[in-house]
Amino acid sequence: VSDMYLPCFCVATAYANLERQLAAPPGNASIAGAAKNIGQLALIATMPVTFGLPSGFHLFWLSSTAFTALSGEAFRVLDKPPPAPPSSPVAASSKEASPRPRRRRKGKKKAPFLV
């Protein structure tokens, strides 16, 4: 009975990692969402097979999943765009007061073969 805890914990950790890393914004269907669902179904379907594997395999699987989760979170935190600088009210009002003048065209150029 104690041999079932490690495989179940590994599958649960990998399932949560897929859920977190491949989560799509609500209302947006994507290929990542489909891959997440297929991966999670495959994890659940193959869980009985993993019970017969040695515990060293599960320890490697657990450490690999933990590293993937930590690196994914690090990239999520570090990959955010920098905050936009605040716009000054003086610059915004001067832009609204004097828009850039439009250039006038002196005339349409005709194609040489239409003359």
Foldseek 3Di string as FASTA:
>chain_A
DVLLPLLVVLLVLLLVLLCVLLPDPPPDDDVSVVVSVVVNVVSVVCSVVCSPDDVVVSVVSNVVSVVSSVVSVVCVVVVDDDDDDDDDPVVVVVCVVDPDDDDDDPDDDDDPVVD
